[in-house]
Amino acid sequence: MIARVLTALGLIACLLSVPAAAEAAPGVPPLPDSFLWGVASSGFQSEGAGPDSNWKRYAATKEPYRNGVDFRHRYPQDIALAAGMGLKVFRFGIEWARVQPSPGSWDETELAYYVDVVRRIRAAGMRPMITLDHWVYPGWIADRGGWSGAGVVDAWLTYARHVVQRLHGQDAYWITFNEPTAYVQQEVTNGGVNPLLVPLMFDRLVAAHRSVYDVIHQLDPGAPVSSNVAFIPAGEALVDLTFWNRIADKLDYIGLDYYYGLSLDNWSVINAAKGEFWKVDPQPDGIYHALRFYHDRKPGLPLYIVENGMSTDNGTPRTDGYTRSQHLRDHVYWLQRARADGMSVIGYNYWSITDNYEWGSYRPRFGLYTVNAATDPALTRTPTDAVATYRTLATSGGVPSNYVPVKRQSVCSLVTLLTSCLFPPHAP
């Protein structure tokens, strides 16, 4: 029955439908010189040499973590690679477990390392985007019950305040919690929180964000603060009840991570739920609908794509022939369309600067520079085809006005079903 309903909806959609991109792709104006082109990374996924933490423990039952891609010692090289593409923002994460290995103690060597990361980003002509929590906390917090344990909010705020005191005044963008909904899901999946205590974890993440927002504005006046959303097509309105709606008054910009769309002609996102990210059929126009969703909710706030990227299967070409370079151009085209249609999109980070440990596996490859972490002891950074493409995009304000996306516009996005069917986006 469900299959018949979906078939019928698909036929209706086709009657209303969007023409192929080659027939209907209107011109787009360039993005302004002020647009923030960037790359993203995280702490545990890339740093290596990991201290005791919840994820160091989780990784013991997954593909061996080894040494990540050793950002901890190769950060000057990776920062230089980003600067060489003409980018303006470098996002990285602070590891709580690294800077506070035990209650009440601070590792000055590791704090100095993060100070130097910021220094080198600034010296390379870029702005740092600093993530305070990318799903990882110290082993001693895990021993106390993680986010369901007593005193965790106060302990986290002590850590966050200490970091902001050390890194303030550097023209940074701040991210408090990376993808809170996915954070909670990962904790449940890996046994870090009892499913019955999920509401408690959300309550505590909300309390921590609301408090640290004020702390950052006190210690680093003028620095924009946000928490990036893991966009779940067609489900975001419901998901946002748990976190985003409760902190929306404590945001200076809307941070948005977009990877997958959902439409009447593309249900492949189910592969992401199974961890087979390379099997998802990318839907570049979905980034437009995701931006529209939040623009309509908070028209006064700027929008920043904090993460966007595409997985390949262990670095091999995709079976559909779609390249990382094409994926990047197609998504930037839709950013330009969104901005032309009145959405205040101020920045875009590619996930990620290098391949890394994708929460249990090195198989999904998202990097602009590929790294064979499991087989290459030298951890060589090898450029993909998208490196030259990103350099051109960043120095040219995006794709040319006559660019035609490789991926055609989807039929009826389930993010904005009625409007995307009846009034698909067009340039002004």
Protein backbone atom coordinates (compact mmCIF):
# COMPACT_ATOMS: atom_id res chain seq x y z
CA MET A 1 0.00 0.00 0.00
CA ILE A 2 2.76 2.43 0.96
CA ALA A 3 4.60 1.65 -2.28
CA ARG A 4 1.46 2.44 -4.29
CA VAL A 5 0.97 5.75 -2.47
CA LEU A 6 4.58 6.73 -3.10
CA THR A 7 4.26 5.75 -6.76
CA ALA A 8 1.15 7.87 -7.09
CA LEU A 9 2.85 10.81 -5.41
CA GLY A 10 5.79 10.38 -7.75
CA LEU A 11 3.52 10.49 -10.79
CA ILE A 12 1.79 13.62 -9.48
CA ALA A 13 5.17 15.18 -8.84
CA CYS A 14 6.29 14.43 -12.34
CA LEU A 15 3.26 16.25 -13.71
CA LEU A 16 4.14 19.28 -11.61
CA SER A 17 7.72 18.62 -11.99
CA VAL A 18 10.95 20.40 -12.23
CA PRO A 19 12.61 20.41 -15.65
CA ALA A 20 16.03 18.90 -16.03
CA ALA A 21 18.90 21.14 -15.03
CA ALA A 22 20.19 21.35 -18.59
CA GLU A 23 16.88 22.93 -19.65
CA ALA A 24 16.09 25.16 -16.69
CA ALA A 25 19.20 26.13 -14.77
CA PRO A 26 19.00 29.92 -14.55
CA GLY A 27 22.07 32.08 -14.11
CA VAL A 28 23.38 32.87 -10.64
CA PRO A 29 25.29 35.92 -9.42
CA PRO A 30 28.66 35.40 -7.71
CA LEU A 31 29.02 35.32 -3.95
CA PRO A 32 30.45 38.52 -2.43
CA ASP A 33 34.10 39.01 -1.52
CA SER A 34 33.07 38.86 2.15
CA PHE A 35 31.82 35.28 1.77
CA LEU A 36 33.63 32.90 4.14
CA TRP A 37 35.03 29.90 2.29
CA GLY A 38 36.37 27.31 4.70
CA VAL A 39 37.19 23.75 5.64
CA ALA A 40 36.24 21.73 8.69
CA SER A 41 37.87 19.11 10.87
CA SER A 42 37.36 17.78 14.38
CA GLY A 43 39.59 16.79 17.27
CA PHE A 44 39.32 13.05 17.89
CA GLN A 45 38.65 12.18 14.25
CA SER A 46 41.88 13.70 13.01
CA GLU A 47 44.32 14.44 15.85
CA GLY A 48 45.55 10.96 16.81
CA ALA A 49 47.55 10.32 19.97
CA GLY A 50 44.23 10.33 21.76
CA PRO A 51 44.10 10.54 25.55
CA ASP A 52 41.57 8.54 27.57
CA SER A 53 38.06 9.54 26.53
CA ASN A 54 34.63 8.10 25.82
CA TRP A 55 35.57 7.72 22.15
CA LYS A 56 38.99 6.22 22.83
CA ARG A 57 37.05 3.55 24.70
CA TYR A 58 34.36 3.16 22.04
CA ALA A 59 37.01 2.79 19.32
CA ALA A 60 38.43 -0.25 21.10
CA THR A 61 35.54 -2.28 19.69
CA LYS A 62 35.67 -0.81 16.18
CA GLU A 63 38.23 -0.43 13.41
CA PRO A 64 41.53 0.36 15.14
CA TYR A 65 41.97 4.11 15.66
CA ARG A 66 45.76 3.91 15.24
CA ASN A 67 46.89 7.54 15.12
CA GLY A 68 44.05 9.24 13.31
CA VAL A 69 45.61 11.28 10.54
CA ASP A 70 47.97 12.84 13.11
CA PHE A 71 46.68 16.41 12.92
CA ARG A 72 48.17 16.83 16.40
CA HIS A 73 51.65 16.93 14.84
CA ARG A 74 50.86 17.83 11.22
CA TYR A 75 48.58 20.79 11.79
CA PRO A 76 51.00 23.29 10.22
CA GLN A 77 50.85 21.28 7.00
CA ASP A 78 47.06 20.97 6.98
CA ILE A 79 46.57 24.66 7.74
CA ALA A 80 48.94 25.49 4.89
CA LEU A 81 46.95 23.22 2.55
CA ALA A 82 43.76 25.13 3.39
CA ALA A 83 45.44 28.50 2.94
CA GLY A 84 46.79 27.32 -0.41
CA MET A 85 43.21 27.01 -1.65
CA GLY A 86 42.58 30.66 -0.84
CA LEU A 87 40.20 29.87 2.01
CA LYS A 88 39.17 32.20 4.84
CA VAL A 89 38.08 29.87 7.66
CA PHE A 90 39.63 26.79 9.26
CA ARG A 91 37.39 24.89 11.65
CA PHE A 92 38.92 22.61 14.26
CA GLY A 93 37.86 21.10 17.59
CA ILE A 94 39.25 21.31 21.11
CA GLU A 95 39.53 17.98 22.92
CA TRP A 96 38.40 18.34 26.53
CA ALA A 97 40.19 15.07 27.36
CA ARG A 98 43.45 16.49 26.02
CA VAL A 99 43.48 19.78 27.92
CA GLN A 100 42.00 18.50 31.20
CA PRO A 101 43.23 14.92 31.70
CA SER A 102 41.96 14.78 35.28
CA PRO A 103 39.63 16.90 37.44
CA GLY A 104 41.20 20.19 38.40
CA SER A 105 44.38 19.72 36.31
CA TRP A 106 45.28 21.38 33.02
CA ASP A 107 47.83 20.16 30.51
CA GLU A 108 49.73 23.31 29.56
CA THR A 109 51.51 21.59 26.68
CA GLU A 110 48.22 20.71 25.04
CA LEU A 111 46.72 24.13 25.69
CA ALA A 112 49.81 25.64 24.07
CA TYR A 113 49.24 23.37 21.07
CA TYR A 114 45.75 24.80 20.54
CA VAL A 115 47.06 28.32 21.00
CA ASP A 116 49.56 27.61 18.23
CA VAL A 117 46.85 26.13 15.98
CA VAL A 118 44.97 29.42 16.24
CA ARG A 119 48.16 31.44 15.74
CA ARG A 120 49.00 29.58 12.55
CA ILE A 121 45.45 29.91 11.22
CA ARG A 122 45.59 33.65 11.76
CA ALA A 123 49.10 33.90 10.29
CA ALA A 124 47.83 32.11 7.16
CA GLY A 125 45.19 34.81 6.69
CA MET A 126 42.24 32.73 7.90
CA ARG A 127 39.78 32.93 10.76
CA PRO A 128 39.49 30.07 13.26
CA MET A 129 36.15 28.38 13.84
CA ILE A 130 36.54 26.66 17.20
CA THR A 131 34.34 23.74 18.27
CA LEU A 132 34.25 23.22 22.03
CA ASP A 133 32.59 19.79 21.96
CA HIS A 134 32.65 17.37 19.02
CA TRP A 135 31.15 14.34 20.82
CA VAL A 136 34.17 13.58 23.01
CA TYR A 137 34.68 13.94 26.77
CA PRO A 138 37.38 12.73 29.18
CA GLY A 139 37.50 9.24 30.57
CA TRP A 140 37.05 10.61 34.08
CA ILE A 141 33.74 12.15 32.98
CA ALA A 142 32.75 8.79 31.46
CA ASP A 143 33.54 7.16 34.81
CA ARG A 144 31.11 9.59 36.44
CA GLY A 145 28.30 8.64 34.06
CA GLY A 146 28.98 10.94 31.10
CA TRP A 147 26.20 13.40 30.31
CA SER A 148 23.84 11.64 32.69
CA GLY A 149 26.30 11.85 35.60
CA ALA A 150 26.17 14.33 38.45
CA GLY A 151 27.95 17.65 37.97
CA VAL A 152 28.70 17.21 34.26
CA VAL A 153 27.32 20.62 33.21
CA ASP A 154 29.42 22.48 35.77
CA ALA A 155 32.49 20.44 34.81
CA TRP A 156 31.95 21.15 31.11
CA LEU A 157 31.47 24.87 31.73
CA THR A 158 34.69 25.00 33.76
CA TYR A 159 36.50 23.43 30.81
CA ALA A 160 34.84 25.71 28.25
CA ARG A 161 35.53 28.88 30.22
CA HIS A 162 39.20 27.91 30.55
CA VAL A 163 39.52 27.39 26.80
CA VAL A 164 37.77 30.63 25.88
CA GLN A 165 40.00 32.53 28.29
CA ARG A 166 43.05 31.14 26.46
CA LEU A 167 41.76 31.64 22.90
CA HIS A 168 39.72 34.84 23.05
CA GLY A 169 40.46 37.87 20.91
CA GLN A 170 41.39 35.89 17.78
CA ASP A 171 38.47 36.87 15.52
CA ALA A 172 37.03 33.39 15.96
CA TYR A 173 33.67 31.88 15.22
CA TRP A 174 32.60 29.59 18.05
CA ILE A 175 30.64 26.33 17.94
CA THR A 176 29.47 25.05 21.32
CA PHE A 177 28.20 21.53 20.53
CA ASN A 178 28.61 19.78 17.21
CA GLU A 179 25.33 18.27 15.97
CA PRO A 180 23.67 17.77 19.38
CA THR A 181 21.05 15.37 18.04
CA ALA A 182 23.69 13.13 16.49
CA TYR A 183 25.77 13.47 19.69
CA VAL A 184 22.93 12.01 21.74
CA GLN A 185 22.30 9.28 19.17
CA GLN A 186 25.97 8.27 19.22
CA GLU A 187 25.99 8.15 23.01
CA VAL A 188 22.95 5.88 23.03
CA THR A 189 24.40 3.64 20.32
CA ASN A 190 27.74 3.28 22.09
CA GLY A 191 26.36 2.87 25.59
CA GLY A 192 27.37 6.29 26.91
CA VAL A 193 23.83 7.12 27.99
CA ASN A 194 20.83 5.01 28.87
CA PRO A 195 18.04 5.53 26.31
CA LEU A 196 15.68 6.38 29.17
CA LEU A 197 17.96 9.30 30.06
CA VAL A 198 18.01 10.89 26.61
CA PRO A 199 15.76 13.78 27.73
CA LEU A 200 18.18 14.45 30.58
CA MET A 201 21.15 14.61 28.22
CA PHE A 202 19.31 17.07 25.98
CA ASP A 203 18.38 19.18 29.02
CA ARG A 204 22.01 19.33 30.03
CA LEU A 205 23.28 20.17 26.54
CA VAL A 206 20.73 22.98 26.38
CA ALA A 207 21.78 24.32 29.79
CA ALA A 208 25.47 24.16 28.87
CA HIS A 209 24.96 25.94 25.55
CA ARG A 210 22.84 28.70 27.06
CA SER A 211 25.41 29.32 29.79
CA VAL A 212 28.52 29.21 27.62
CA TYR A 213 26.92 31.53 25.07
CA ASP A 214 26.94 34.23 27.74
CA VAL A 215 30.45 33.27 28.87
CA ILE A 216 31.83 33.63 25.36
CA HIS A 217 30.19 37.01 24.90
CA GLN A 218 31.67 38.10 28.21
CA LEU A 219 35.21 36.88 27.52
CA ASP A 220 35.34 37.30 23.72
CA PRO A 221 33.03 40.25 22.93
CA GLY A 222 31.75 40.34 19.37
CA ALA A 223 32.66 36.72 18.61
CA PRO A 224 29.74 34.94 16.88
CA VAL A 225 28.45 31.81 18.64
CA SER A 226 26.35 28.92 17.35
CA SER A 227 25.72 25.17 17.54
CA ASN A 228 25.61 23.39 14.20
CA VAL A 229 22.56 21.35 13.25
CA ALA A 230 22.82 17.92 11.59
CA PHE A 231 20.09 18.54 9.03
CA ILE A 232 17.60 15.68 8.86
CA PRO A 233 15.43 16.17 5.78
CA ALA A 234 11.69 16.06 6.49
CA GLY A 235 12.35 15.43 10.19
CA GLU A 236 14.07 18.61 11.32
CA ALA A 237 10.99 20.37 12.69
CA LEU A 238 10.38 17.48 15.09
CA VAL A 239 14.04 16.95 15.96
CA ASP A 240 14.51 20.64 16.76
CA LEU A 241 12.07 20.37 19.63
CA THR A 242 14.79 18.61 21.64
CA PHE A 243 17.56 21.23 21.33
CA TRP A 244 17.51 23.91 18.65
CA ASN A 245 14.18 25.46 19.56
CA ARG A 246 15.36 25.76 23.14
CA ILE A 247 18.54 27.69 22.32
CA ALA A 248 17.40 29.66 19.25
CA ASP A 249 17.51 32.92 21.24
CA LYS A 250 21.16 32.20 22.07
CA LEU A 251 22.55 32.03 18.53
CA ASP A 252 24.42 34.67 16.53
CA TYR A 253 24.29 32.67 13.30
CA ILE A 254 22.62 29.45 12.20
CA GLY A 255 25.17 26.68 11.76
CA LEU A 256 23.96 23.99 9.39
CA ASP A 257 25.48 20.66 8.34
CA TYR A 258 24.00 19.42 5.06
CA TYR A 259 24.88 16.09 3.50
CA TYR A 260 21.71 14.40 2.28
CA GLY A 261 18.38 15.31 0.76
CA LEU A 262 15.06 13.52 0.59
CA SER A 263 12.59 13.89 -2.24
CA LEU A 264 9.95 11.92 -4.09
CA ASP A 265 12.59 10.76 -6.54
CA ASN A 266 15.45 10.16 -4.08
CA TRP A 267 15.12 8.00 -0.97
CA SER A 268 18.74 6.88 -0.91
CA VAL A 269 19.40 8.66 2.42
CA ILE A 270 18.48 5.35 4.07
CA ASN A 271 22.01 4.21 3.22
CA ALA A 272 23.43 6.87 5.54
CA ALA A 273 21.41 5.41 8.40
CA LYS A 274 23.17 2.11 7.69
CA GLY A 275 26.62 3.75 7.67
CA GLU A 276 27.05 3.22 3.91
CA PHE A 277 27.43 6.90 3.11
CA TRP A 278 28.98 6.27 -0.31
CA LYS A 279 25.73 4.68 -1.50
CA VAL A 280 23.70 7.86 -0.98
CA ASP A 281 22.75 9.62 -4.20
CA PRO A 282 23.73 13.25 -3.50
CA GLN A 283 20.98 15.83 -3.81
CA PRO A 284 22.67 19.23 -4.17
CA ASP A 285 19.46 21.26 -4.45
CA GLY A 286 18.53 19.97 -0.99
CA ILE A 287 20.99 22.44 0.50
CA TYR A 288 18.77 25.21 -0.87
CA HIS A 289 15.70 23.77 0.86
CA ALA A 290 17.60 23.26 4.12
CA LEU A 291 18.70 26.90 4.05
CA ARG A 292 15.15 28.00 3.22
CA PHE A 293 13.83 25.98 6.19
CA TYR A 294 15.96 27.91 8.69
CA HIS A 295 15.78 31.24 6.91
CA ASP A 296 12.00 31.14 7.20
CA ARG A 297 12.24 30.32 10.91
CA LYS A 298 14.80 33.00 11.81
CA PRO A 299 14.98 35.50 8.92
CA GLY A 300 17.23 37.87 10.89
CA LEU A 301 20.05 35.40 11.50
CA PRO A 302 22.90 34.74 9.05
CA LEU A 303 23.25 31.20 7.73
CA TYR A 304 26.54 29.31 7.65
CA ILE A 305 27.06 25.85 6.14
CA VAL A 306 29.42 24.49 8.80
CA GLU A 307 29.77 21.10 7.08
CA ASN A 308 29.04 19.74 3.61
CA GLY A 309 30.78 16.94 1.77
CA MET A 310 30.54 13.60 0.00
CA SER A 311 31.77 10.14 0.95
CA THR A 312 33.53 7.72 -1.33
CA ASP A 313 34.06 4.05 -0.51
CA ASN A 314 37.61 3.79 0.81
CA GLY A 315 38.80 6.34 -1.74
CA THR A 316 37.55 4.52 -4.84
CA PRO A 317 35.52 6.37 -7.51
CA ARG A 318 31.79 6.35 -7.00
CA THR A 319 29.90 3.80 -9.07
CA ASP A 320 27.71 6.55 -10.56
CA GLY A 321 30.79 8.47 -11.78
CA TYR A 322 29.90 11.58 -9.76
CA THR A 323 33.14 13.23 -8.65
CA ARG A 324 34.02 15.24 -5.57
CA SER A 325 34.68 18.21 -7.81
CA GLN A 326 31.21 17.98 -9.40
CA HIS A 327 29.61 17.57 -5.99
CA LEU A 328 31.34 20.70 -4.73
CA ARG A 329 30.40 22.82 -7.74
CA ASP A 330 26.78 21.66 -7.68
CA HIS A 331 26.32 22.55 -4.01
CA VAL A 332 27.98 25.94 -4.42
CA TYR A 333 25.62 26.63 -7.33
CA TRP A 334 22.67 26.13 -4.97
CA LEU A 335 24.30 28.33 -2.33
CA GLN A 336 24.45 31.08 -4.92
CA ARG A 337 20.83 30.47 -5.80
CA ALA A 338 19.87 30.66 -2.12
CA ARG A 339 21.73 33.93 -1.63
CA ALA A 340 20.16 35.35 -4.80
CA ASP A 341 16.75 34.43 -3.38
CA GLY A 342 17.31 36.51 -0.26
CA MET A 343 18.82 34.01 2.18
CA SER A 344 21.69 35.49 4.17
CA VAL A 345 24.28 32.76 3.54
CA ILE A 346 27.60 34.06 4.85
CA GLY A 347 29.90 31.02 4.73
CA TYR A 348 30.57 27.45 3.67
CA ASN A 349 32.95 24.84 5.12
CA TYR A 350 33.86 21.71 3.24
CA TRP A 351 33.98 18.53 5.32
CA SER A 352 36.76 17.81 5.52
CA ILE A 353 40.28 19.04 4.84
CA THR A 354 41.54 15.41 5.02
CA ASP A 355 40.03 11.98 5.36
CA ASN A 356 39.67 10.97 9.00
CA TYR A 357 38.25 8.47 11.47
CA GLU A 358 34.54 8.49 10.73
CA TRP A 359 33.39 7.39 14.19
CA GLY A 360 34.49 3.80 13.97
CA SER A 361 35.83 3.39 10.45
CA TYR A 362 38.31 4.80 7.96
CA ARG A 363 36.26 3.41 5.06
CA PRO A 364 34.07 6.50 4.41
CA ARG A 365 36.35 9.08 2.76
CA PHE A 366 35.25 12.72 2.88
CA GLY A 367 38.57 14.55 2.49
CA LEU A 368 39.65 17.13 -0.03
CA TYR A 369 43.00 15.48 0.60
CA THR A 370 42.81 11.71 0.87
CA VAL A 371 44.82 9.86 3.50
CA ASN A 372 45.21 6.07 3.69
CA ALA A 373 45.24 6.02 7.48
CA ALA A 374 44.98 2.24 7.71
CA THR A 375 47.76 1.36 5.25
CA ASP A 376 50.13 4.32 4.83
CA PRO A 377 52.40 4.89 7.85
CA ALA A 378 53.50 8.21 6.31
CA LEU A 379 49.87 9.45 6.32
CA THR A 380 50.49 11.21 3.00
CA ARG A 381 48.01 13.94 2.06
CA THR A 382 47.08 13.34 -1.60
CA PRO A 383 44.91 15.98 -3.31
CA THR A 384 41.62 14.93 -4.85
CA ASP A 385 40.19 16.57 -7.96
CA ALA A 386 38.21 18.93 -5.71
CA VAL A 387 41.28 20.78 -4.41
CA ALA A 388 41.86 22.73 -7.63
CA THR A 389 38.12 23.20 -8.00
CA TYR A 390 37.77 24.68 -4.52
CA ARG A 391 40.67 27.04 -5.15
CA THR A 392 38.89 28.33 -8.26
CA LEU A 393 35.54 28.66 -6.50
CA ALA A 394 37.01 30.52 -3.55
CA THR A 395 38.86 33.00 -5.74
CA SER A 396 36.00 33.50 -8.23
CA GLY A 397 32.98 33.93 -5.97
CA GLY A 398 31.58 30.51 -6.84
CA VAL A 399 30.53 28.93 -10.12
CA PRO A 400 30.11 30.98 -13.32
CA SER A 401 26.67 32.51 -13.88
CA ASN A 402 25.98 30.07 -16.71
CA TYR A 403 26.91 26.95 -14.72
CA VAL A 404 24.61 23.96 -15.25
CA PRO A 405 24.59 21.49 -12.33
CA VAL A 406 25.54 17.91 -13.10
CA LYS A 407 22.79 16.63 -10.79
CA ARG A 408 19.36 17.71 -11.92
CA GLN A 409 16.97 19.42 -9.54
CA SER A 410 15.04 16.89 -7.47
CA VAL A 411 11.31 16.29 -7.78
CA CYS A 412 9.48 17.68 -4.76
CA SER A 413 11.81 17.97 -1.78
CA LEU A 414 10.21 16.51 1.33
CA VAL A 415 11.71 19.38 3.32
CA THR A 416 9.34 21.84 1.67
CA LEU A 417 7.03 19.44 -0.16
CA LEU A 418 4.23 21.72 -1.35
CA THR A 419 6.30 24.76 -2.29
CA SER A 420 9.09 22.75 -3.92
CA CYS A 421 6.50 20.92 -6.06
CA LEU A 422 4.43 23.92 -7.05
CA PHE A 423 7.08 26.64 -6.92
CA PRO A 424 10.55 25.16 -7.47
CA PRO A 425 13.31 27.70 -6.88
CA HIS A 426 14.11 30.10 -9.68
CA ALA A 427 16.58 32.96 -9.86
CA PRO A 428 15.05 36.44 -9.47
